[in-house]
Amino acid sequence: MTDTPTRNQFRCITPKRVRYHEVDLQNIVFNANYLMYADVAITEYFRALRVANGLGGDGAFNFFAPDHDMMVRHATIDYRASAKADDMLDLATRITRFGTSSLTSQCAIFRGDALLTVVTITYVHFALATDRPALVPQGFRDMVAAFEVTAPDS
């Protein structure tokens, strides 16, 4: 990965303590858990935007329901250093790109100032009735552009 994210590129940063059951016998975070961390991070990102996400809250914008949802299309994980049991991590999240019916998020996982891992996920927005891709609503694009430090690519 050539892009090295820095903390100042993110407005949404969620603290997360590594728990015992998330590590392997070497006392480092088991690799699959980084996808779970990215999922926690995007949920908190939507909460910061006040997007209704099925978890409650008033949701100023309902991106998902009742007839739309998102699914993962592609995910990459760039491991740079290991997190260990009881580490305090910061899950820094941003949306970096919009396609017609997709969006790409980046979750940079920091321990202090050290960048440990970067998880990049592309989601497809789709209509439940047809199970086909649907346009990412312009209102959501506008919310993200106003929220982000750097507007996402289109």
N, C-alpha and C. Protein backbone atom coordinates (compact mmCIF):
# COMPACT_ATOMS: atom_id res chain seq x y z
N MET A 1 0.85 -1.17 0.00
CA MET A 1 0.00 0.00 0.00
C MET A 1 0.90 1.23 0.00
N THR A 2 0.68 2.13 -0.91
CA THR A 2 1.53 3.31 -1.01
C THR A 2 1.01 4.48 -0.17
N ASP A 3 -0.27 4.54 0.05
CA ASP A 3 -0.85 5.62 0.84
C ASP A 3 -0.70 5.28 2.33
N THR A 4 -0.07 6.18 3.07
CA THR A 4 0.06 5.99 4.51
C THR A 4 -0.82 7.02 5.21
N PRO A 5 -1.97 6.57 5.73
CA PRO A 5 -2.87 7.52 6.39
C PRO A 5 -2.26 8.08 7.68
N THR A 6 -2.65 9.30 7.98
CA THR A 6 -2.26 9.95 9.23
C THR A 6 -3.52 10.36 9.98
N ARG A 7 -3.41 10.50 11.28
CA ARG A 7 -4.58 10.83 12.11
C ARG A 7 -5.31 12.08 11.65
N ASN A 8 -4.59 13.07 11.17
CA ASN A 8 -5.23 14.34 10.82
C ASN A 8 -6.11 14.24 9.57
N GLN A 9 -6.15 13.08 8.92
CA GLN A 9 -7.03 12.88 7.76
C GLN A 9 -8.42 12.38 8.17
N PHE A 10 -8.64 12.18 9.47
CA PHE A 10 -9.87 11.55 9.94
C PHE A 10 -10.60 12.43 10.94
N ARG A 11 -11.92 12.55 10.79
CA ARG A 11 -12.75 13.24 11.78
C ARG A 11 -13.38 12.26 12.74
N CYS A 12 -13.56 11.02 12.32
CA CYS A 12 -14.21 10.02 13.17
C CYS A 12 -13.16 9.04 13.68
N ILE A 13 -12.89 9.11 14.98
CA ILE A 13 -11.92 8.22 15.62
C ILE A 13 -12.59 7.59 16.84
N THR A 14 -12.64 6.26 16.83
CA THR A 14 -13.31 5.50 17.87
C THR A 14 -12.29 4.72 18.70
N PRO A 15 -12.25 4.92 20.02
CA PRO A 15 -11.33 4.13 20.85
C PRO A 15 -11.82 2.69 21.00
N LYS A 16 -10.88 1.77 21.09
CA LYS A 16 -11.20 0.34 21.23
C LYS A 16 -10.08 -0.34 21.99
N ARG A 17 -10.43 -1.03 23.08
CA ARG A 17 -9.45 -1.81 23.82
C ARG A 17 -9.44 -3.23 23.26
N VAL A 18 -8.25 -3.78 23.05
CA VAL A 18 -8.12 -5.17 22.61
C VAL A 18 -8.44 -6.07 23.80
N ARG A 19 -9.38 -6.97 23.61
CA ARG A 19 -9.79 -7.88 24.66
C ARG A 19 -9.09 -9.23 24.50
N TYR A 20 -9.03 -9.95 25.60
CA TYR A 20 -8.30 -11.22 25.64
C TYR A 20 -8.75 -12.18 24.54
N HIS A 21 -10.04 -12.30 24.31
CA HIS A 21 -10.53 -13.28 23.34
C HIS A 21 -10.24 -12.89 21.89
N GLU A 22 -9.70 -11.70 21.67
CA GLU A 22 -9.37 -11.25 20.31
C GLU A 22 -7.94 -11.58 19.90
N VAL A 23 -7.16 -12.13 20.82
CA VAL A 23 -5.77 -12.43 20.53
C VAL A 23 -5.55 -13.93 20.39
N ASP A 24 -4.42 -14.28 19.75
CA ASP A 24 -4.07 -15.69 19.57
C ASP A 24 -3.03 -16.10 20.62
N LEU A 25 -2.43 -17.26 20.44
CA LEU A 25 -1.47 -17.76 21.44
C LEU A 25 -0.20 -16.93 21.54
N GLN A 26 0.10 -16.12 20.53
CA GLN A 26 1.26 -15.23 20.58
C GLN A 26 0.92 -13.90 21.25
N ASN A 27 -0.34 -13.77 21.74
CA ASN A 27 -0.81 -12.56 22.41
C ASN A 27 -0.97 -11.38 21.45
N ILE A 28 -1.13 -11.65 20.15
CA ILE A 28 -1.38 -10.59 19.18
C ILE A 28 -2.78 -10.78 18.61
N VAL A 29 -3.37 -9.67 18.14
CA VAL A 29 -4.72 -9.73 17.60
C VAL A 29 -4.76 -10.70 16.43
N PHE A 30 -5.70 -11.64 16.48
CA PHE A 30 -5.89 -12.58 15.40
C PHE A 30 -6.33 -11.81 14.16
N ASN A 31 -5.75 -12.15 13.01
CA ASN A 31 -5.91 -11.33 11.80
C ASN A 31 -7.35 -11.05 11.41
N ALA A 32 -8.26 -12.00 11.54
CA ALA A 32 -9.65 -11.78 11.13
C ALA A 32 -10.35 -10.71 11.96
N ASN A 33 -9.86 -10.45 13.16
CA ASN A 33 -10.50 -9.46 14.01
C ASN A 33 -10.37 -8.04 13.48
N TYR A 34 -9.40 -7.78 12.62
CA TYR A 34 -9.26 -6.45 12.06
C TYR A 34 -10.47 -6.08 11.18
N LEU A 35 -11.08 -7.07 10.52
CA LEU A 35 -12.32 -6.81 9.78
C LEU A 35 -13.45 -6.46 10.74
N MET A 36 -13.50 -7.13 11.88
CA MET A 36 -14.51 -6.79 12.88
C MET A 36 -14.28 -5.37 13.41
N TYR A 37 -13.03 -5.01 13.64
CA TYR A 37 -12.72 -3.64 14.08
C TYR A 37 -13.20 -2.62 13.05
N ALA A 38 -12.98 -2.91 11.78
CA ALA A 38 -13.43 -2.00 10.72
C ALA A 38 -14.95 -1.90 10.70
N ASP A 39 -15.64 -2.99 11.00
CA ASP A 39 -17.10 -2.97 11.05
C ASP A 39 -17.59 -2.11 12.21
N VAL A 40 -16.95 -2.24 13.37
CA VAL A 40 -17.28 -1.38 14.50
C VAL A 40 -17.05 0.08 14.11
N ALA A 41 -15.95 0.35 13.44
CA ALA A 41 -15.59 1.72 13.07
C ALA A 41 -16.59 2.34 12.11
N ILE A 42 -17.04 1.59 11.09
CA ILE A 42 -17.99 2.17 10.13
C ILE A 42 -19.34 2.39 10.80
N THR A 43 -19.71 1.54 11.75
CA THR A 43 -20.94 1.75 12.50
C THR A 43 -20.87 3.06 13.28
N GLU A 44 -19.73 3.32 13.92
CA GLU A 44 -19.56 4.57 14.66
C GLU A 44 -19.48 5.78 13.73
N TYR A 45 -18.94 5.57 12.55
CA TYR A 45 -18.91 6.65 11.54
C TYR A 45 -20.35 7.04 11.16
N PHE A 46 -21.20 6.04 10.90
CA PHE A 46 -22.59 6.34 10.57
C PHE A 46 -23.29 7.01 11.75
N ARG A 47 -22.97 6.59 12.96
CA ARG A 47 -23.54 7.22 14.15
C ARG A 47 -23.12 8.70 14.21
N ALA A 48 -21.85 8.98 13.92
CA ALA A 48 -21.36 10.37 13.93
C ALA A 48 -22.09 11.23 12.89
N LEU A 49 -22.45 10.60 11.77
CA LEU A 49 -23.20 11.33 10.73
C LEU A 49 -24.70 11.42 11.03
N ARG A 50 -25.13 10.69 12.08
CA ARG A 50 -26.56 10.57 12.42
C ARG A 50 -27.33 9.89 11.30
N VAL A 51 -26.72 8.84 10.76
CA VAL A 51 -27.38 8.01 9.75
C VAL A 51 -28.05 6.85 10.48
N ALA A 52 -29.33 6.66 10.23
CA ALA A 52 -30.04 5.53 10.82
C ALA A 52 -29.40 4.25 10.31
N ASN A 53 -29.06 3.35 11.23
CA ASN A 53 -28.37 2.13 10.82
C ASN A 53 -28.95 0.88 11.48
N GLY A 54 -30.18 0.97 11.96
CA GLY A 54 -30.80 -0.19 12.56
C GLY A 54 -30.41 -0.42 14.01
N LEU A 55 -29.57 0.44 14.56
CA LEU A 55 -29.12 0.27 15.94
C LEU A 55 -29.80 1.25 16.90
N GLY A 56 -30.82 1.92 16.42
CA GLY A 56 -31.50 2.88 17.27
C GLY A 56 -31.03 4.29 16.98
N GLY A 57 -31.49 5.22 17.76
CA GLY A 57 -31.15 6.63 17.55
C GLY A 57 -32.12 7.27 16.58
N ASP A 58 -32.07 8.60 16.52
CA ASP A 58 -33.06 9.31 15.71
C ASP A 58 -32.70 9.35 14.23
N GLY A 59 -31.45 9.17 13.87
CA GLY A 59 -31.07 9.11 12.47
C GLY A 59 -31.61 10.24 11.62
N ALA A 60 -30.81 11.25 11.38
CA ALA A 60 -31.23 12.38 10.55
C ALA A 60 -31.39 11.95 9.09
N PHE A 61 -30.75 10.88 8.69
CA PHE A 61 -30.81 10.39 7.31
C PHE A 61 -30.93 8.88 7.36
N ASN A 62 -31.91 8.33 6.67
CA ASN A 62 -32.11 6.88 6.68
C ASN A 62 -31.59 6.28 5.39
N PHE A 63 -30.35 5.88 5.41
CA PHE A 63 -29.66 5.35 4.24
C PHE A 63 -30.07 3.93 3.93
N PHE A 64 -30.51 3.20 4.91
CA PHE A 64 -30.68 1.76 4.77
C PHE A 64 -32.12 1.29 4.62
N ALA A 65 -33.04 1.91 5.29
CA ALA A 65 -34.35 1.27 5.42
C ALA A 65 -35.43 2.09 4.74
N PRO A 66 -36.58 1.50 4.51
CA PRO A 66 -36.81 0.08 4.75
C PRO A 66 -36.45 -0.79 3.54
N ASP A 67 -36.05 -0.19 2.45
CA ASP A 67 -35.91 -0.98 1.22
C ASP A 67 -34.51 -1.00 0.63
N HIS A 68 -33.52 -0.53 1.38
CA HIS A 68 -32.14 -0.53 0.91
C HIS A 68 -31.20 -1.05 1.98
N ASP A 69 -30.03 -1.48 1.55
CA ASP A 69 -29.02 -1.95 2.49
C ASP A 69 -27.66 -1.86 1.79
N MET A 70 -26.61 -2.25 2.49
CA MET A 70 -25.27 -2.31 1.92
C MET A 70 -24.69 -3.68 2.18
N MET A 71 -23.82 -4.11 1.27
CA MET A 71 -23.09 -5.35 1.50
C MET A 71 -21.65 -5.13 1.07
N VAL A 72 -20.77 -5.90 1.68
CA VAL A 72 -19.35 -5.81 1.34
C VAL A 72 -19.13 -6.42 -0.03
N ARG A 73 -18.42 -5.70 -0.86
CA ARG A 73 -18.05 -6.20 -2.19
C ARG A 73 -16.59 -6.64 -2.22
N HIS A 74 -15.74 -5.86 -1.52
CA HIS A 74 -14.31 -6.14 -1.55
C HIS A 74 -13.66 -5.58 -0.29
N ALA A 75 -12.70 -6.32 0.25
CA ALA A 75 -11.99 -5.85 1.44
C ALA A 75 -10.51 -6.18 1.31
N THR A 76 -9.67 -5.24 1.73
CA THR A 76 -8.23 -5.50 1.81
C THR A 76 -7.74 -5.09 3.19
N ILE A 77 -6.75 -5.81 3.66
CA ILE A 77 -6.15 -5.51 4.96
C ILE A 77 -4.64 -5.40 4.76
N ASP A 78 -4.10 -4.27 5.15
CA ASP A 78 -2.66 -4.04 5.05
C ASP A 78 -2.11 -4.03 6.48
N TYR A 79 -1.49 -5.16 6.87
CA TYR A 79 -0.92 -5.29 8.21
C TYR A 79 0.46 -4.64 8.24
N ARG A 80 0.69 -3.79 9.23
CA ARG A 80 1.98 -3.12 9.36
C ARG A 80 2.67 -3.44 10.68
N ALA A 81 1.89 -3.61 11.73
CA ALA A 81 2.41 -3.97 13.05
C ALA A 81 1.27 -4.61 13.83
N SER A 82 1.61 -5.34 14.87
CA SER A 82 0.62 -6.11 15.62
C SER A 82 0.07 -5.34 16.81
N ALA A 83 -1.22 -5.50 17.02
CA ALA A 83 -1.84 -5.05 18.26
C ALA A 83 -1.83 -6.23 19.22
N LYS A 84 -1.76 -5.93 20.51
CA LYS A 84 -1.66 -6.98 21.53
C LYS A 84 -2.78 -6.83 22.55
N ALA A 85 -2.96 -7.88 23.34
CA ALA A 85 -3.99 -7.86 24.38
C ALA A 85 -3.84 -6.63 25.27
N ASP A 86 -4.96 -6.00 25.54
CA ASP A 86 -5.09 -4.83 26.41
C ASP A 86 -4.59 -3.53 25.79
N ASP A 87 -4.10 -3.55 24.55
CA ASP A 87 -3.74 -2.30 23.87
C ASP A 87 -4.97 -1.42 23.72
N MET A 88 -4.77 -0.12 23.83
CA MET A 88 -5.81 0.85 23.48
C MET A 88 -5.55 1.27 22.04
N LEU A 89 -6.55 1.04 21.20
CA LEU A 89 -6.44 1.38 19.78
C LEU A 89 -7.38 2.52 19.46
N ASP A 90 -7.08 3.21 18.38
CA ASP A 90 -7.98 4.20 17.80
C ASP A 90 -8.33 3.73 16.40
N LEU A 91 -9.63 3.57 16.16
CA LEU A 91 -10.14 3.17 14.85
C LEU A 91 -10.55 4.44 14.12
N ALA A 92 -9.71 4.88 13.20
CA ALA A 92 -9.94 6.12 12.46
C ALA A 92 -10.60 5.76 11.13
N THR A 93 -11.76 6.36 10.86
CA THR A 93 -12.55 5.95 9.71
C THR A 93 -12.91 7.14 8.84
N ARG A 94 -12.90 6.89 7.53
CA ARG A 94 -13.33 7.90 6.56
C ARG A 94 -13.85 7.19 5.32
N ILE A 95 -14.65 7.91 4.57
CA ILE A 95 -15.08 7.42 3.26
C ILE A 95 -14.18 8.11 2.24
N THR A 96 -13.53 7.30 1.43
CA THR A 96 -12.53 7.83 0.49
C THR A 96 -13.02 7.95 -0.94
N ARG A 97 -14.10 7.22 -1.27
CA ARG A 97 -14.54 7.20 -2.67
C ARG A 97 -16.01 6.82 -2.76
N PHE A 98 -16.68 7.43 -3.73
CA PHE A 98 -18.03 7.04 -4.11
C PHE A 98 -18.02 6.57 -5.55
N GLY A 99 -18.70 5.46 -5.80
CA GLY A 99 -19.02 5.04 -7.15
C GLY A 99 -20.49 5.35 -7.37
N THR A 100 -21.05 4.88 -8.44
CA THR A 100 -22.47 5.11 -8.70
C THR A 100 -23.32 4.44 -7.63
N SER A 101 -23.01 3.20 -7.32
CA SER A 101 -23.79 2.45 -6.34
C SER A 101 -22.90 1.91 -5.21
N SER A 102 -21.72 2.47 -5.06
CA SER A 102 -20.79 1.94 -4.07
C SER A 102 -20.11 3.06 -3.30
N LEU A 103 -19.51 2.67 -2.19
CA LEU A 103 -18.66 3.59 -1.44
C LEU A 103 -17.51 2.79 -0.88
N THR A 104 -16.38 3.45 -0.72
CA THR A 104 -15.19 2.80 -0.16
C THR A 104 -14.82 3.51 1.12
N SER A 105 -14.65 2.70 2.18
CA SER A 105 -14.23 3.25 3.47
C SER A 105 -12.80 2.81 3.76
N GLN A 106 -12.14 3.61 4.57
CA GLN A 106 -10.80 3.27 5.04
C GLN A 106 -10.82 3.36 6.55
N CYS A 107 -10.33 2.31 7.19
CA CYS A 107 -10.19 2.28 8.65
C CYS A 107 -8.70 2.12 8.95
N ALA A 108 -8.11 3.18 9.47
CA ALA A 108 -6.71 3.14 9.88
C ALA A 108 -6.70 2.88 11.39
N ILE A 109 -5.98 1.85 11.78
CA ILE A 109 -5.96 1.46 13.18
C ILE A 109 -4.62 1.88 13.79
N PHE A 110 -4.72 2.75 14.78
CA PHE A 110 -3.53 3.31 15.43
C PHE A 110 -3.44 2.82 16.87
N ARG A 111 -2.21 2.66 17.35
CA ARG A 111 -1.91 2.53 18.78
C ARG A 111 -1.03 3.73 19.07
N GLY A 112 -1.59 4.71 19.75
CA GLY A 112 -0.87 5.98 19.90
C GLY A 112 -0.70 6.59 18.53
N ASP A 113 0.54 6.95 18.19
CA ASP A 113 0.81 7.51 16.87
C ASP A 113 1.23 6.46 15.85
N ALA A 114 1.36 5.22 16.29
CA ALA A 114 1.82 4.15 15.39
C ALA A 114 0.65 3.59 14.59
N LEU A 115 0.79 3.59 13.27
CA LEU A 115 -0.19 2.99 12.38
C LEU A 115 0.04 1.49 12.35
N LEU A 116 -0.97 0.71 12.76
CA LEU A 116 -0.83 -0.74 12.84
C LEU A 116 -1.38 -1.44 11.60
N THR A 117 -2.55 -1.03 11.17
CA THR A 117 -3.25 -1.74 10.11
C THR A 117 -4.16 -0.77 9.37
N VAL A 118 -4.33 -1.01 8.06
CA VAL A 118 -5.28 -0.25 7.27
C VAL A 118 -6.24 -1.24 6.61
N VAL A 119 -7.53 -1.06 6.89
CA VAL A 119 -8.57 -1.91 6.30
C VAL A 119 -9.37 -1.04 5.34
N THR A 120 -9.43 -1.47 4.09
CA THR A 120 -10.19 -0.76 3.07
C THR A 120 -11.32 -1.67 2.61
N ILE A 121 -12.54 -1.15 2.65
CA ILE A 121 -13.71 -1.95 2.30
C ILE A 121 -14.57 -1.18 1.30
N THR A 122 -14.95 -1.85 0.22
CA THR A 122 -15.90 -1.30 -0.73
C THR A 122 -17.24 -1.97 -0.48
N TYR A 123 -18.26 -1.14 -0.28
CA TYR A 123 -19.63 -1.60 -0.06
C TYR A 123 -20.47 -1.27 -1.28
N VAL A 124 -21.43 -2.12 -1.59
CA VAL A 124 -22.40 -1.84 -2.64
C VAL A 124 -23.74 -1.54 -1.97
N HIS A 125 -24.34 -0.43 -2.36
CA HIS A 125 -25.67 -0.04 -1.91
C HIS A 125 -26.66 -0.73 -2.84
N PHE A 126 -27.67 -1.41 -2.29
CA PHE A 126 -28.59 -2.15 -3.15
C PHE A 126 -30.02 -2.07 -2.64
N ALA A 127 -30.96 -2.30 -3.57
CA ALA A 127 -32.38 -2.34 -3.26
C ALA A 127 -32.75 -3.75 -2.84
N LEU A 128 -33.40 -3.89 -1.69
CA LEU A 128 -33.77 -5.20 -1.19
C LEU A 128 -34.78 -5.91 -2.10
N ALA A 129 -35.70 -5.16 -2.69
CA ALA A 129 -36.74 -5.77 -3.51
C ALA A 129 -36.18 -6.47 -4.74
N THR A 130 -35.13 -5.89 -5.31
CA THR A 130 -34.58 -6.45 -6.55
C THR A 130 -33.24 -7.15 -6.34
N ASP A 131 -32.64 -6.93 -5.17
CA ASP A 131 -31.30 -7.46 -4.89
C ASP A 131 -30.30 -6.98 -5.93
N ARG A 132 -30.51 -5.77 -6.42
CA ARG A 132 -29.64 -5.16 -7.44
C ARG A 132 -29.05 -3.87 -6.89
N PRO A 133 -27.88 -3.47 -7.40
CA PRO A 133 -27.27 -2.21 -6.96
C PRO A 133 -28.22 -1.03 -7.18
N ALA A 134 -28.14 -0.07 -6.27
CA ALA A 134 -28.95 1.14 -6.33
C ALA A 134 -28.03 2.35 -6.15
N LEU A 135 -28.44 3.47 -6.67
CA LEU A 135 -27.65 4.69 -6.55
C LEU A 135 -27.41 5.06 -5.09
N VAL A 136 -26.20 5.50 -4.79
CA VAL A 136 -25.94 6.06 -3.46
C VAL A 136 -26.63 7.41 -3.43
N PRO A 137 -27.54 7.64 -2.48
CA PRO A 137 -28.31 8.88 -2.45
C PRO A 137 -27.42 10.13 -2.40
N GLN A 138 -27.81 11.13 -3.18
CA GLN A 138 -27.05 12.38 -3.21
C GLN A 138 -27.01 13.05 -1.84
N GLY A 139 -28.09 12.94 -1.08
CA GLY A 139 -28.11 13.52 0.27
C GLY A 139 -27.04 12.93 1.17
N PHE A 140 -26.81 11.63 1.03
CA PHE A 140 -25.76 10.98 1.81
C PHE A 140 -24.39 11.44 1.34
N ARG A 141 -24.19 11.51 0.03
CA ARG A 141 -22.91 12.00 -0.51
C ARG A 141 -22.60 13.40 0.01
N ASP A 142 -23.63 14.24 0.04
CA ASP A 142 -23.45 15.62 0.52
C ASP A 142 -23.09 15.65 1.99
N MET A 143 -23.74 14.79 2.81
CA MET A 143 -23.42 14.72 4.24
C MET A 143 -21.97 14.34 4.45
N VAL A 144 -21.52 13.33 3.70
CA VAL A 144 -20.14 12.86 3.85
C VAL A 144 -19.16 13.94 3.42
N ALA A 145 -19.43 14.58 2.28
CA ALA A 145 -18.52 15.63 1.79
C ALA A 145 -18.40 16.76 2.81
N ALA A 146 -19.50 17.11 3.48
CA ALA A 146 -19.47 18.17 4.49
C ALA A 146 -18.75 17.73 5.77
N PHE A 147 -18.77 16.45 6.05
CA PHE A 147 -18.18 15.91 7.28
C PHE A 147 -16.68 15.66 7.16
N GLU A 148 -16.25 15.15 6.05
CA GLU A 148 -14.87 14.71 5.87
C GLU A 148 -13.86 15.84 5.85
N VAL A 149 -12.65 15.55 6.26
CA VAL A 149 -11.54 16.49 6.15
C VAL A 149 -11.23 16.73 4.67
N THR A 150 -11.21 15.65 3.90
CA THR A 150 -11.00 15.70 2.46
C THR A 150 -12.18 15.01 1.79
N ALA A 151 -12.83 15.69 0.87
CA ALA A 151 -14.00 15.10 0.20
C ALA A 151 -13.60 13.83 -0.54
N PRO A 152 -14.47 12.82 -0.53
CA PRO A 152 -14.19 11.57 -1.23
C PRO A 152 -14.09 11.77 -2.73
N ASP A 153 -13.31 10.91 -3.36
CA ASP A 153 -13.25 10.87 -4.83
C ASP A 153 -14.57 10.34 -5.35
N SER A 154 -14.88 10.73 -6.57
CA SER A 154 -16.10 10.21 -7.21
C SER A 154 -15.74 9.49 -8.49
